[in-house]
Amino acid sequence: MKKLVMIISMVCLSTIAFAQGQGQRPAQGQGQRPEPPTTEEMIKKATAELNLSTEQVVEWTAIHEKYEDAMKDRKTAQESRKKMDEELNATLTEDQQAKYAKMKKSQERPQRKD
């Protein structure tokens, strides 16, 4: 009888402990930000959408690498993003610049109203 009570107690305690742990982490897609795309993914997408030449791909890769560390720091990320976009835009033809502007506009997140 004591063994049965002990087993039931252990099952109840482990169930309670397991249930408490479930609320600590949100499920995938609920409250978690998606991982940002890698440099290769961004350049691959730009190559497909803007029809980048091989020279432009090399330039874009170098520009992304130049700003990589600055983009990780929240304090400098916004300013670095502007500078990087200006440099990327300078490597494009007029047609590509128009497409790039549309691409950026479609990717913008709505601004929070505080």
PDB file of N, CA and C in Angstrom:
ATOM      1  N   MET A   1       0.824  -1.195   0.000  1.00  0.00           N
ATOM      2  CA  MET A   1       0.000   0.000   0.000  1.00  0.00           C
ATOM      3  C   MET A   1       0.872   1.265   0.000  1.00  0.00           C
ATOM      4  N   LYS A   2       1.951   1.247   0.809  1.00  0.00           N
ATOM      5  CA  LYS A   2       2.846   2.403   0.864  1.00  0.00           C
ATOM      6  C   LYS A   2       3.506   2.641  -0.492  1.00  0.00           C
ATOM      7  N   LYS A   3       3.854   1.546  -1.174  1.00  0.00           N
ATOM      8  CA  LYS A   3       4.488   1.677  -2.489  1.00  0.00           C
ATOM      9  C   LYS A   3       3.532   2.318  -3.493  1.00  0.00           C
ATOM     10  N   LEU A   4       2.290   1.913  -3.445  1.00  0.00           N
ATOM     11  CA  LEU A   4       1.291   2.467  -4.356  1.00  0.00           C
ATOM     12  C   LEU A   4       1.100   3.964  -4.122  1.00  0.00           C
ATOM     13  N   VAL A   5       1.013   4.374  -2.855  1.00  0.00           N
ATOM     14  CA  VAL A   5       0.863   5.793  -2.515  1.00  0.00           C
ATOM     15  C   VAL A   5       2.112   6.563  -2.974  1.00  0.00           C
ATOM     16  N   MET A   6       3.289   5.959  -2.794  1.00  0.00           N
ATOM     17  CA  MET A   6       4.535   6.608  -3.193  1.00  0.00           C
ATOM     18  C   MET A   6       4.597   6.782  -4.713  1.00  0.00           C
ATOM     19  N   ILE A   7       4.178   5.774  -5.468  1.00  0.00           N
ATOM     20  CA  ILE A   7       4.178   5.843  -6.930  1.00  0.00           C
ATOM     21  C   ILE A   7       3.201   6.907  -7.413  1.00  0.00           C
ATOM     22  N   ILE A   8       2.003   6.942  -6.848  1.00  0.00           N
ATOM     23  CA  ILE A   8       1.001   7.942  -7.239  1.00  0.00           C
ATOM     24  C   ILE A   8       1.514   9.345  -6.922  1.00  0.00           C
ATOM     25  N   SER A   9       2.155   9.519  -5.793  1.00  0.00           N
ATOM     26  CA  SER A   9       2.714  10.821  -5.413  1.00  0.00           C
ATOM     27  C   SER A   9       3.787  11.260  -6.400  1.00  0.00           C
ATOM     28  N   MET A  10       4.654  10.353  -6.793  1.00  0.00           N
ATOM     29  CA  MET A  10       5.727  10.670  -7.739  1.00  0.00           C
ATOM     30  C   MET A  10       5.147  11.063  -9.101  1.00  0.00           C
ATOM     31  N   VAL A  11       4.126  10.346  -9.546  1.00  0.00           N
ATOM     32  CA  VAL A  11       3.485  10.654 -10.824  1.00  0.00           C
ATOM     33  C   VAL A  11       2.845  12.043 -10.766  1.00  0.00           C
ATOM     34  N   CYS A  12       2.163  12.339  -9.673  1.00  0.00           N
ATOM     35  CA  CYS A  12       1.517  13.652  -9.524  1.00  0.00           C
ATOM     36  C   CYS A  12       2.560  14.770  -9.503  1.00  0.00           C
ATOM     37  N   LEU A  13       3.625  14.597  -8.757  1.00  0.00           N
ATOM     38  CA  LEU A  13       4.670  15.621  -8.675  1.00  0.00           C
ATOM     39  C   LEU A  13       5.357  15.829 -10.025  1.00  0.00           C
ATOM     40  N   SER A  14       5.647  14.747 -10.722  1.00  0.00           N
ATOM     41  CA  SER A  14       6.308  14.900 -12.021  1.00  0.00           C
ATOM     42  C   SER A  14       5.370  15.556 -13.035  1.00  0.00           C
ATOM     43  N   THR A  15       4.082  15.265 -12.959  1.00  0.00           N
ATOM     44  CA  THR A  15       3.107  15.897 -13.851  1.00  0.00           C
ATOM     45  C   THR A  15       3.019  17.390 -13.587  1.00  0.00           C
ATOM     46  N   ILE A  16       3.003  17.769 -12.327  1.00  0.00           N
ATOM     47  CA  ILE A  16       2.940  19.187 -11.959  1.00  0.00           C
ATOM     48  C   ILE A  16       4.197  19.906 -12.427  1.00  0.00           C
ATOM     49  N   ALA A  17       5.350  19.292 -12.196  1.00  0.00           N
ATOM     50  CA  ALA A  17       6.615  19.908 -12.619  1.00  0.00           C
ATOM     51  C   ALA A  17       6.666  20.058 -14.131  1.00  0.00           C
ATOM     52  N   PHE A  18       6.221  19.056 -14.857  1.00  0.00           N
ATOM     53  CA  PHE A  18       6.209  19.115 -16.317  1.00  0.00           C
ATOM     54  C   PHE A  18       5.267  20.205 -16.816  1.00  0.00           C
ATOM     55  N   ALA A  19       4.098  20.318 -16.210  1.00  0.00           N
ATOM     56  CA  ALA A  19       3.105  21.316 -16.631  1.00  0.00           C
ATOM     57  C   ALA A  19       3.601  22.733 -16.385  1.00  0.00           C
ATOM     58  N   GLN A  20       4.330  22.957 -15.316  1.00  0.00           N
ATOM     59  CA  GLN A  20       4.852  24.291 -15.024  1.00  0.00           C
ATOM     60  C   GLN A  20       5.904  24.688 -16.048  1.00  0.00           C
ATOM     61  N   GLY A  21       6.687  23.759 -16.507  1.00  0.00           N
ATOM     62  CA  GLY A  21       7.723  24.047 -17.494  1.00  0.00           C
ATOM     63  C   GLY A  21       7.163  24.394 -18.858  1.00  0.00           C
ATOM     64  N   GLN A  22       5.946  23.981 -19.157  1.00  0.00           N
ATOM     65  CA  GLN A  22       5.349  24.216 -20.461  1.00  0.00           C
ATOM     66  C   GLN A  22       5.061  25.688 -20.722  1.00  0.00           C
ATOM     67  N   GLY A  23       4.730  26.462 -19.710  1.00  0.00           N
ATOM     68  CA  GLY A  23       4.381  27.862 -19.902  1.00  0.00           C
ATOM     69  C   GLY A  23       5.574  28.780 -20.037  1.00  0.00           C
ATOM     70  N   GLN A  24       6.771  28.290 -19.847  1.00  0.00           N
ATOM     71  CA  GLN A  24       7.949  29.146 -19.853  1.00  0.00           C
ATOM     72  C   GLN A  24       8.430  29.488 -21.247  1.00  0.00           C
ATOM     73  N   ARG A  25       8.263  28.602 -22.189  1.00  0.00           N
ATOM     74  CA  ARG A  25       8.739  28.840 -23.539  1.00  0.00           C
ATOM     75  C   ARG A  25       7.557  28.911 -24.493  1.00  0.00           C
ATOM     76  N   PRO A  26       7.443  29.999 -25.270  1.00  0.00           N
ATOM     77  CA  PRO A  26       6.350  30.046 -26.238  1.00  0.00           C
ATOM     78  C   PRO A  26       6.583  29.038 -27.351  1.00  0.00           C
ATOM     79  N   ALA A  27       5.510  28.539 -27.908  1.00  0.00           N
ATOM     80  CA  ALA A  27       5.605  27.593 -29.014  1.00  0.00           C
ATOM     81  C   ALA A  27       6.168  28.302 -30.237  1.00  0.00           C
ATOM     82  N   GLN A  28       6.722  27.530 -31.156  1.00  0.00           N
ATOM     83  CA  GLN A  28       7.301  28.088 -32.374  1.00  0.00           C
ATOM     84  C   GLN A  28       6.270  28.960 -33.083  1.00  0.00           C
ATOM     85  N   GLY A  29       6.656  30.178 -33.395  1.00  0.00           N
ATOM     86  CA  GLY A  29       5.760  31.079 -34.096  1.00  0.00           C
ATOM     87  C   GLY A  29       4.864  31.899 -33.192  1.00  0.00           C
ATOM     88  N   GLN A  30       4.930  31.674 -31.887  1.00  0.00           N
ATOM     89  CA  GLN A  30       4.099  32.431 -30.962  1.00  0.00           C
ATOM     90  C   GLN A  30       5.000  33.274 -30.072  1.00  0.00           C
ATOM     91  N   GLY A  31       5.174  34.517 -30.409  1.00  0.00           N
ATOM     92  CA  GLY A  31       5.949  35.422 -29.580  1.00  0.00           C
ATOM     93  C   GLY A  31       7.443  35.382 -29.854  1.00  0.00           C
ATOM     94  N   GLN A  32       7.912  34.525 -30.732  1.00  0.00           N
ATOM     95  CA  GLN A  32       9.322  34.476 -31.053  1.00  0.00           C
ATOM     96  C   GLN A  32       9.566  35.176 -32.379  1.00  0.00           C
ATOM     97  N   ARG A  33      10.658  35.907 -32.418  1.00  0.00           N
ATOM     98  CA  ARG A  33      11.028  36.537 -33.675  1.00  0.00           C
ATOM     99  C   ARG A  33      11.694  35.506 -34.567  1.00  0.00           C
ATOM    100  N   PRO A  34      11.428  35.566 -35.849  1.00  0.00           N
ATOM    101  CA  PRO A  34      12.110  34.636 -36.741  1.00  0.00           C
ATOM    102  C   PRO A  34      13.585  34.997 -36.841  1.00  0.00           C
ATOM    103  N   GLU A  35      14.393  34.012 -37.139  1.00  0.00           N
ATOM    104  CA  GLU A  35      15.817  34.252 -37.316  1.00  0.00           C
ATOM    105  C   GLU A  35      16.015  35.178 -38.512  1.00  0.00           C
ATOM    106  N   PRO A  36      16.906  36.157 -38.392  1.00  0.00           N
ATOM    107  CA  PRO A  36      17.167  37.009 -39.552  1.00  0.00           C
ATOM    108  C   PRO A  36      17.866  36.209 -40.649  1.00  0.00           C
ATOM    109  N   PRO A  37      17.642  36.571 -41.889  1.00  0.00           N
ATOM    110  CA  PRO A  37      18.285  35.827 -42.974  1.00  0.00           C
ATOM    111  C   PRO A  37      19.801  36.021 -42.951  1.00  0.00           C
ATOM    112  N   THR A  38      20.516  35.034 -43.418  1.00  0.00           N
ATOM    113  CA  THR A  38      21.972  35.135 -43.494  1.00  0.00           C
ATOM    114  C   THR A  38      22.349  36.023 -44.671  1.00  0.00           C
ATOM    115  N   THR A  39      23.613  36.423 -44.706  1.00  0.00           N
ATOM    116  CA  THR A  39      24.100  37.247 -45.812  1.00  0.00           C
ATOM    117  C   THR A  39      23.908  36.517 -47.128  1.00  0.00           C
ATOM    118  N   GLU A  40      24.216  35.227 -47.145  1.00  0.00           N
ATOM    119  CA  GLU A  40      24.071  34.456 -48.380  1.00  0.00           C
ATOM    120  C   GLU A  40      22.613  34.429 -48.845  1.00  0.00           C
ATOM    121  N   GLU A  41      21.687  34.267 -47.887  1.00  0.00           N
ATOM    122  CA  GLU A  41      20.275  34.233 -48.250  1.00  0.00           C
ATOM    123  C   GLU A  41      19.815  35.575 -48.813  1.00  0.00           C
ATOM    124  N   MET A  42      20.268  36.668 -48.190  1.00  0.00           N
ATOM    125  CA  MET A  42      19.874  37.995 -48.673  1.00  0.00           C
ATOM    126  C   MET A  42      20.424  38.253 -50.072  1.00  0.00           C
ATOM    127  N   ILE A  43      21.680  37.887 -50.289  1.00  0.00           N
ATOM    128  CA  ILE A  43      22.292  38.123 -51.595  1.00  0.00           C
ATOM    129  C   ILE A  43      21.671  37.207 -52.648  1.00  0.00           C
ATOM    130  N   LYS A  44      21.341  35.989 -52.259  1.00  0.00           N
ATOM    131  CA  LYS A  44      20.691  35.064 -53.191  1.00  0.00           C
ATOM    132  C   LYS A  44      19.333  35.624 -53.627  1.00  0.00           C
ATOM    133  N   LYS A  45      18.578  36.160 -52.672  1.00  0.00           N
ATOM    134  CA  LYS A  45      17.272  36.741 -52.988  1.00  0.00           C
ATOM    135  C   LYS A  45      17.435  37.968 -53.885  1.00  0.00           C
ATOM    136  N   ALA A  46      18.413  38.823 -53.534  1.00  0.00           N
ATOM    137  CA  ALA A  46      18.645  40.024 -54.340  1.00  0.00           C
ATOM    138  C   ALA A  46      19.095  39.651 -55.744  1.00  0.00           C
ATOM    139  N   THR A  47      19.924  38.627 -55.861  1.00  0.00           N
ATOM    140  CA  THR A  47      20.385  38.186 -57.174  1.00  0.00           C
ATOM    141  C   THR A  47      19.204  37.744 -58.031  1.00  0.00           C
ATOM    142  N   ALA A  48      18.283  37.008 -57.421  1.00  0.00           N
ATOM    143  CA  ALA A  48      17.120  36.534 -58.164  1.00  0.00           C
ATOM    144  C   ALA A  48      16.179  37.680 -58.534  1.00  0.00           C
ATOM    145  N   GLU A  49      15.924  38.584 -57.584  1.00  0.00           N
ATOM    146  CA  GLU A  49      14.936  39.641 -57.831  1.00  0.00           C
ATOM    147  C   GLU A  49      15.498  40.814 -58.635  1.00  0.00           C
ATOM    148  N   LEU A  50      16.797  41.106 -58.452  1.00  0.00           N
ATOM    149  CA  LEU A  50      17.384  42.268 -59.122  1.00  0.00           C
ATOM    150  C   LEU A  50      18.257  41.886 -60.304  1.00  0.00           C
ATOM    151  N   ASN A  51      18.437  40.583 -60.500  1.00  0.00           N
ATOM    152  CA  ASN A  51      19.301  40.102 -61.577  1.00  0.00           C
ATOM    153  C   ASN A  51      20.714  40.693 -61.447  1.00  0.00           C
ATOM    154  N   LEU A  52      21.319  40.503 -60.275  1.00  0.00           N
ATOM    155  CA  LEU A  52      22.658  41.025 -60.020  1.00  0.00           C
ATOM    156  C   LEU A  52      23.694  40.296 -60.868  1.00  0.00           C
ATOM    157  N   SER A  53      24.695  41.053 -61.332  1.00  0.00           N
ATOM    158  CA  SER A  53      25.804  40.447 -62.067  1.00  0.00           C
ATOM    159  C   SER A  53      26.782  39.832 -61.071  1.00  0.00           C
ATOM    160  N   THR A  54      27.739  39.086 -61.582  1.00  0.00           N
ATOM    161  CA  THR A  54      28.743  38.466 -60.721  1.00  0.00           C
ATOM    162  C   THR A  54      29.542  39.535 -59.966  1.00  0.00           C
ATOM    163  N   GLU A  55      29.871  40.617 -60.650  1.00  0.00           N
ATOM    164  CA  GLU A  55      30.619  41.708 -60.008  1.00  0.00           C
ATOM    165  C   GLU A  55      29.797  42.342 -58.878  1.00  0.00           C
ATOM    166  N   GLN A  56      28.511  42.522 -59.122  1.00  0.00           N
ATOM    167  CA  GLN A  56      27.644  43.109 -58.101  1.00  0.00           C
ATOM    168  C   GLN A  56      27.526  42.175 -56.892  1.00  0.00           C
ATOM    169  N   VAL A  57      27.457  40.878 -57.125  1.00  0.00           N
ATOM    170  CA  VAL A  57      27.378  39.920 -56.025  1.00  0.00           C
ATOM    171  C   VAL A  57      28.632  40.021 -55.159  1.00  0.00           C
ATOM    172  N   VAL A  58      29.790  40.133 -55.792  1.00  0.00           N
ATOM    173  CA  VAL A  58      31.054  40.273 -55.051  1.00  0.00           C
ATOM    174  C   VAL A  58      31.040  41.571 -54.237  1.00  0.00           C
ATOM    175  N   GLU A  59      30.576  42.672 -54.855  1.00  0.00           N
ATOM    176  CA  GLU A  59      30.504  43.955 -54.149  1.00  0.00           C
ATOM    177  C   GLU A  59      29.521  43.884 -52.981  1.00  0.00           C
ATOM    178  N   TRP A  60      28.365  43.287 -53.193  1.00  0.00           N
ATOM    179  CA  TRP A  60      27.355  43.177 -52.131  1.00  0.00           C
ATOM    180  C   TRP A  60      27.880  42.344 -50.971  1.00  0.00           C
ATOM    181  N   THR A  61      28.592  41.263 -51.286  1.00  0.00           N
ATOM    182  CA  THR A  61      29.160  40.416 -50.233  1.00  0.00           C
ATOM    183  C   THR A  61      30.159  41.210 -49.404  1.00  0.00           C
ATOM    184  N   ALA A  62      31.019  41.966 -50.060  1.00  0.00           N
ATOM    185  CA  ALA A  62      32.013  42.774 -49.347  1.00  0.00           C
ATOM    186  C   ALA A  62      31.342  43.843 -48.473  1.00  0.00           C
ATOM    187  N   ILE A  63      30.297  44.473 -48.993  1.00  0.00           N
ATOM    188  CA  ILE A  63      29.586  45.509 -48.239  1.00  0.00           C
ATOM    189  C   ILE A  63      28.908  44.895 -47.013  1.00  0.00           C
ATOM    190  N   HIS A  64      28.280  43.755 -47.186  1.00  0.00           N
ATOM    191  CA  HIS A  64      27.621  43.082 -46.054  1.00  0.00           C
ATOM    192  C   HIS A  64      28.649  42.702 -44.985  1.00  0.00           C
ATOM    193  N   GLU A  65      29.794  42.201 -45.406  1.00  0.00           N
ATOM    194  CA  GLU A  65      30.843  41.820 -44.450  1.00  0.00           C
ATOM    195  C   GLU A  65      31.379  43.055 -43.721  1.00  0.00           C
ATOM    196  N   LYS A  66      31.460  44.174 -44.423  1.00  0.00           N
ATOM    197  CA  LYS A  66      31.952  45.418 -43.827  1.00  0.00           C
ATOM    198  C   LYS A  66      31.067  45.871 -42.666  1.00  0.00           C
ATOM    199  N   TYR A  67      29.769  45.716 -42.809  1.00  0.00           N
ATOM    200  CA  TYR A  67      28.825  46.204 -41.805  1.00  0.00           C
ATOM    201  C   TYR A  67      28.317  45.114 -40.854  1.00  0.00           C
ATOM    202  N   GLU A  68      28.824  43.909 -40.983  1.00  0.00           N
ATOM    203  CA  GLU A  68      28.320  42.785 -40.201  1.00  0.00           C
ATOM    204  C   GLU A  68      28.375  43.037 -38.694  1.00  0.00           C
ATOM    205  N   ASP A  69      29.516  43.469 -38.177  1.00  0.00           N
ATOM    206  CA  ASP A  69      29.650  43.687 -36.728  1.00  0.00           C
ATOM    207  C   ASP A  69      28.800  44.858 -36.253  1.00  0.00           C
ATOM    208  N   ALA A  70      28.760  45.921 -37.031  1.00  0.00           N
ATOM    209  CA  ALA A  70      27.984  47.101 -36.639  1.00  0.00           C
ATOM    210  C   ALA A  70      26.490  46.795 -36.598  1.00  0.00           C
ATOM    211  N   MET A  71      26.042  45.858 -37.422  1.00  0.00           N
ATOM    212  CA  MET A  71      24.620  45.515 -37.453  1.00  0.00           C
ATOM    213  C   MET A  71      24.198  44.703 -36.228  1.00  0.00           C
ATOM    214  N   LYS A  72      25.154  44.057 -35.581  1.00  0.00           N
ATOM    215  CA  LYS A  72      24.840  43.261 -34.391  1.00  0.00           C
ATOM    216  C   LYS A  72      24.623  44.130 -33.165  1.00  0.00           C
ATOM    217  N   ASP A  73      25.208  45.323 -33.157  1.00  0.00           N
ATOM    218  CA  ASP A  73      25.078  46.243 -32.032  1.00  0.00           C
ATOM    219  C   ASP A  73      23.824  47.085 -32.221  1.00  0.00           C
ATOM    220  N   ARG A  74      22.898  46.977 -31.274  1.00  0.00           N
ATOM    221  CA  ARG A  74      21.617  47.686 -31.412  1.00  0.00           C
ATOM    222  C   ARG A  74      21.787  49.193 -31.508  1.00  0.00           C
ATOM    223  N   LYS A  75      22.819  49.727 -30.869  1.00  0.00           N
ATOM    224  CA  LYS A  75      23.017  51.179 -30.860  1.00  0.00           C
ATOM    225  C   LYS A  75      23.423  51.701 -32.233  1.00  0.00           C
ATOM    226  N   THR A  76      24.175  50.915 -32.974  1.00  0.00           N
ATOM    227  CA  THR A  76      24.670  51.376 -34.267  1.00  0.00           C
ATOM    228  C   THR A  76      23.965  50.743 -35.457  1.00  0.00           C
ATOM    229  N   ALA A  77      23.065  49.816 -35.210  1.00  0.00           N
ATOM    230  CA  ALA A  77      22.445  49.048 -36.295  1.00  0.00           C
ATOM    231  C   ALA A  77      21.654  49.917 -37.263  1.00  0.00           C
ATOM    232  N   GLN A  78      20.856  50.837 -36.749  1.00  0.00           N
ATOM    233  CA  GLN A  78      19.999  51.638 -37.632  1.00  0.00           C
ATOM    234  C   GLN A  78      20.835  52.531 -38.553  1.00  0.00           C
ATOM    235  N   GLU A  79      21.831  53.192 -37.989  1.00  0.00           N
ATOM    236  CA  GLU A  79      22.691  54.059 -38.803  1.00  0.00           C
ATOM    237  C   GLU A  79      23.510  53.229 -39.792  1.00  0.00           C
ATOM    238  N   SER A  80      23.991  52.091 -39.336  1.00  0.00           N
ATOM    239  CA  SER A  80      24.772  51.208 -40.209  1.00  0.00           C
ATOM    240  C   SER A  80      23.919  50.686 -41.352  1.00  0.00           C
ATOM    241  N   ARG A  81      22.658  50.368 -41.063  1.00  0.00           N
ATOM    242  CA  ARG A  81      21.739  49.889 -42.103  1.00  0.00           C
ATOM    243  C   ARG A  81      21.572  50.943 -43.189  1.00  0.00           C
ATOM    244  N   LYS A  82      21.431  52.208 -42.794  1.00  0.00           N
ATOM    245  CA  LYS A  82      21.281  53.291 -43.774  1.00  0.00           C
ATOM    246  C   LYS A  82      22.519  53.406 -44.655  1.00  0.00           C
ATOM    247  N   LYS A  83      23.697  53.385 -44.018  1.00  0.00           N
ATOM    248  CA  LYS A  83      24.949  53.494 -44.772  1.00  0.00           C
ATOM    249  C   LYS A  83      25.119  52.307 -45.713  1.00  0.00           C
ATOM    250  N   MET A  84      24.814  51.117 -45.217  1.00  0.00           N
ATOM    251  CA  MET A  84      24.952  49.920 -46.037  1.00  0.00           C
ATOM    252  C   MET A  84      24.001  49.979 -47.231  1.00  0.00           C
ATOM    253  N   ASP A  85      22.754  50.400 -47.007  1.00  0.00           N
ATOM    254  CA  ASP A  85      21.791  50.515 -48.103  1.00  0.00           C
ATOM    255  C   ASP A  85      22.263  51.517 -49.159  1.00  0.00           C
ATOM    256  N   GLU A  86      22.858  52.619 -48.712  1.00  0.00           N
ATOM    257  CA  GLU A  86      23.380  53.603 -49.666  1.00  0.00           C
ATOM    258  C   GLU A  86      24.487  52.995 -50.524  1.00  0.00           C
ATOM    259  N   GLU A  87      25.395  52.245 -49.891  1.00  0.00           N
ATOM    260  CA  GLU A  87      26.478  51.624 -50.638  1.00  0.00           C
ATOM    261  C   GLU A  87      25.959  50.541 -51.581  1.00  0.00           C
ATOM    262  N   LEU A  88      25.000  49.753 -51.109  1.00  0.00           N
ATOM    263  CA  LEU A  88      24.414  48.715 -51.965  1.00  0.00           C
ATOM    264  C   LEU A  88      23.713  49.349 -53.155  1.00  0.00           C
ATOM    265  N   ASN A  89      22.968  50.400 -52.898  1.00  0.00           N
ATOM    266  CA  ASN A  89      22.219  51.097 -53.948  1.00  0.00           C
ATOM    267  C   ASN A  89      23.170  51.673 -54.999  1.00  0.00           C
ATOM    268  N   ALA A  90      24.353  52.118 -54.571  1.00  0.00           N
ATOM    269  CA  ALA A  90      25.315  52.717 -55.496  1.00  0.00           C
ATOM    270  C   ALA A  90      25.877  51.691 -56.485  1.00  0.00           C
ATOM    271  N   THR A  91      25.775  50.416 -56.175  1.00  0.00           N
ATOM    272  CA  THR A  91      26.295  49.379 -57.076  1.00  0.00           C
ATOM    273  C   THR A  91      25.278  48.978 -58.139  1.00  0.00           C
ATOM    274  N   LEU A  92      24.056  49.488 -58.043  1.00  0.00           N
ATOM    275  CA  LEU A  92      22.976  49.056 -58.924  1.00  0.00           C
ATOM    276  C   LEU A  92      22.765  49.995 -60.102  1.00  0.00           C
ATOM    277  N   THR A  93      22.172  49.445 -61.160  1.00  0.00           N
ATOM    278  CA  THR A  93      21.750  50.262 -62.295  1.00  0.00           C
ATOM    279  C   THR A  93      20.453  50.974 -61.915  1.00  0.00           C
ATOM    280  N   GLU A  94      19.985  51.877 -62.743  1.00  0.00           N
ATOM    281  CA  GLU A  94      18.752  52.610 -62.444  1.00  0.00           C
ATOM    282  C   GLU A  94      17.552  51.678 -62.320  1.00  0.00           C
ATOM    283  N   ASP A  95      17.434  50.716 -63.228  1.00  0.00           N
ATOM    284  CA  ASP A  95      16.326  49.760 -63.156  1.00  0.00           C
ATOM    285  C   ASP A  95      16.396  48.940 -61.865  1.00  0.00           C
ATOM    286  N   GLN A  96      17.599  48.498 -61.531  1.00  0.00           N
ATOM    287  CA  GLN A  96      17.782  47.716 -60.312  1.00  0.00           C
ATOM    288  C   GLN A  96      17.479  48.555 -59.075  1.00  0.00           C
ATOM    289  N   GLN A  97      17.842  49.841 -59.109  1.00  0.00           N
ATOM    290  CA  GLN A  97      17.571  50.728 -57.967  1.00  0.00           C
ATOM    291  C   GLN A  97      16.069  50.847 -57.728  1.00  0.00           C
ATOM    292  N   ALA A  98      15.308  50.954 -58.791  1.00  0.00           N
ATOM    293  CA  ALA A  98      13.850  51.053 -58.658  1.00  0.00           C
ATOM    294  C   ALA A  98      13.281  49.769 -58.050  1.00  0.00           C
ATOM    295  N   LYS A  99      13.753  48.624 -58.531  1.00  0.00           N
ATOM    296  CA  LYS A  99      13.298  47.344 -57.990  1.00  0.00           C
ATOM    297  C   LYS A  99      13.726  47.189 -56.529  1.00  0.00           C
ATOM    298  N   TYR A 100      14.952  47.627 -56.210  1.00  0.00           N
ATOM    299  CA  TYR A 100      15.468  47.522 -54.842  1.00  0.00           C
ATOM    300  C   TYR A 100      14.631  48.375 -53.885  1.00  0.00           C
ATOM    301  N   ALA A 101      14.236  49.564 -54.336  1.00  0.00           N
ATOM    302  CA  ALA A 101      13.400  50.436 -53.502  1.00  0.00           C
ATOM    303  C   ALA A 101      12.051  49.766 -53.225  1.00  0.00           C
ATOM    304  N   LYS A 102      11.463  49.135 -54.232  1.00  0.00           N
ATOM    305  CA  LYS A 102      10.197  48.428 -54.033  1.00  0.00           C
ATOM    306  C   LYS A 102      10.383  47.241 -53.086  1.00  0.00           C
ATOM    307  N   MET A 103      11.504  46.539 -53.244  1.00  0.00           N
ATOM    308  CA  MET A 103      11.808  45.397 -52.390  1.00  0.00           C
ATOM    309  C   MET A 103      11.894  45.832 -50.930  1.00  0.00           C
ATOM    310  N   LYS A 104      12.626  46.911 -50.688  1.00  0.00           N
ATOM    311  CA  LYS A 104      12.793  47.408 -49.318  1.00  0.00           C
ATOM    312  C   LYS A 104      11.463  47.861 -48.743  1.00  0.00           C
ATOM    313  N   LYS A 105      10.668  48.535 -49.554  1.00  0.00           N
ATOM    314  CA  LYS A 105       9.380  49.039 -49.078  1.00  0.00           C
ATOM    315  C   LYS A 105       8.450  47.894 -48.682  1.00  0.00           C
ATOM    316  N   SER A 106       8.457  46.822 -49.437  1.00  0.00           N
ATOM    317  CA  SER A 106       7.590  45.679 -49.129  1.00  0.00           C
ATOM    318  C   SER A 106       8.053  44.931 -47.877  1.00  0.00           C
ATOM    319  N   GLN A 107       9.322  45.093 -47.506  1.00  0.00           N
ATOM    320  CA  GLN A 107       9.867  44.394 -46.336  1.00  0.00           C
ATOM    321  C   GLN A 107       9.778  45.215 -45.063  1.00  0.00           C
ATOM    322  N   GLU A 108       9.414  46.486 -45.180  1.00  0.00           N
ATOM    323  CA  GLU A 108       9.345  47.343 -44.000  1.00  0.00           C
ATOM    324  C   GLU A 108       8.252  46.873 -43.045  1.00  0.00           C
ATOM    325  N   ARG A 109       8.568  46.962 -41.762  1.00  0.00           N
ATOM    326  CA  ARG A 109       7.573  46.648 -40.735  1.00  0.00           C
ATOM    327  C   ARG A 109       6.854  47.922 -40.362  1.00  0.00           C
ATOM    328  N   PRO A 110       5.581  47.815 -40.016  1.00  0.00           N
ATOM    329  CA  PRO A 110       4.860  49.011 -39.568  1.00  0.00           C
ATOM    330  C   PRO A 110       5.506  49.547 -38.285  1.00  0.00           C
ATOM    331  N   GLN A 111       5.596  50.858 -38.170  1.00  0.00           N
ATOM    332  CA  GLN A 111       6.184  51.484 -36.995  1.00  0.00           C
ATOM    333  C   GLN A 111       5.240  51.376 -35.811  1.00  0.00           C
ATOM    334  N   ARG A 112       5.821  51.125 -34.636  1.00  0.00           N
ATOM    335  CA  ARG A 112       5.004  51.059 -33.420  1.00  0.00           C
ATOM    336  C   ARG A 112       4.594  52.459 -33.007  1.00  0.00           C
ATOM    337  N   LYS A 113       3.378  52.580 -32.522  1.00  0.00           N
ATOM    338  CA  LYS A 113       2.891  53.869 -32.022  1.00  0.00           C
ATOM    339  C   LYS A 113       2.952  53.809 -30.510  1.00  0.00           C
ATOM    340  N   ASP A 114       3.829  54.617 -29.931  1.00  0.00           N
ATOM    341  CA  ASP A 114       3.988  54.630 -28.472  1.00  0.00           C
ATOM    342  C   ASP A 114       3.211  55.740 -27.841  1.00  0.00           C
TER     343      ASP A 114
END
